[in-house]
């Protein structure tokens, strides 16, 4: 591994870790003061500490792009102010020799962000919401209500009972929307791609005999639309594979999946933005010679653009949920916009 690579890699890594430590310290202080006002009214000191610790993985995953942006910007400004960039350029090394170790740091950060977002925060978010809802907001645990599920020309009305069982009503129609059959079951379970019904009453309209009635102790309905398509779990509780299959279930049921599609694409677009933030930092903070004032303004501009990135991310999330733009496009929009700006500025700098 070349010396120049190790030098830049270790420098950028140390500044990024320091930036992360500072941001987490600020968060812990602010969050402690905010939650301390709930002590004694349902929130104990142990629960408050647990809440803060559980939220750290979410904060790391959420703010990793800004951590990499600030950390790499600070390091590049240090190189410029100490005239080390002059030596690098004088040695005939191009921008690729500088960007490669920076991109390696960003890649490691992106992998860490993805791992936390995929395997850690889905579990911690559940516990965080429980503490927030029960011990801070003093609300009862949420219960699932009656839901409707569409499977082709069949409509299922599910009323939750207990132990993953439902009271079920199924209405089947023809292509013109006319009623063909109704099935009532006092207890139904979904397993292996089928509904197993108990105490079943089947009603079928007939032009000759009026209404035909049948009764069965048990009855089976094959269907790819199971109860998981109506439970409406929060996207922040789900892994990528769960989101993917859940989106397919919702599509099959004819239900909106914008929030889940956005969450799935965001799992990949957010870590990828770490790479773009390094390019943006290089475009704004990498200078040769004595340009301290210009470098300082570059740091201010990178922080401002980092904040703008999160504003655009929140705006794209709202647009996706309201279905004004496709969810997949909304999830990648901030990365596309800031990636394009970063590459343009870097090419312009190198062109000069």
Foldseek 3Di string as FASTA:
>chain_A
DDPLLVVLLVQLLVLLVVLLVVVLVVVVVVQCVVCVVLDPVQDHPVNSVLLSVLCSLVVLLQCLLVSSLLSLLVSLLVCAQVQVVVVCVVVVDDPCSNLVSSLVSLLVSLVSSLCSQFPRQLVSVVVNVVCCQCRPVNHDDDDDAWWWFAAPQKIWIWGDDDPQKTFIWIWGADPVRHTAKIKTAGIWHDDDQKIKGAFIWMWGADPVPGIDIDTDRIDMGGHNQHCVLTRPDQLSNHHLVVLVVSVVNCVSRVHDSLRSLLSNLLSNQSSVLSSLSSLQSCLQQNDHDNDSVSNVVSSVVSSVVSVVLVVQLVVLSVCSVVVVDGSNCSSNVSSVVSSVVSVVSNVVVVVD
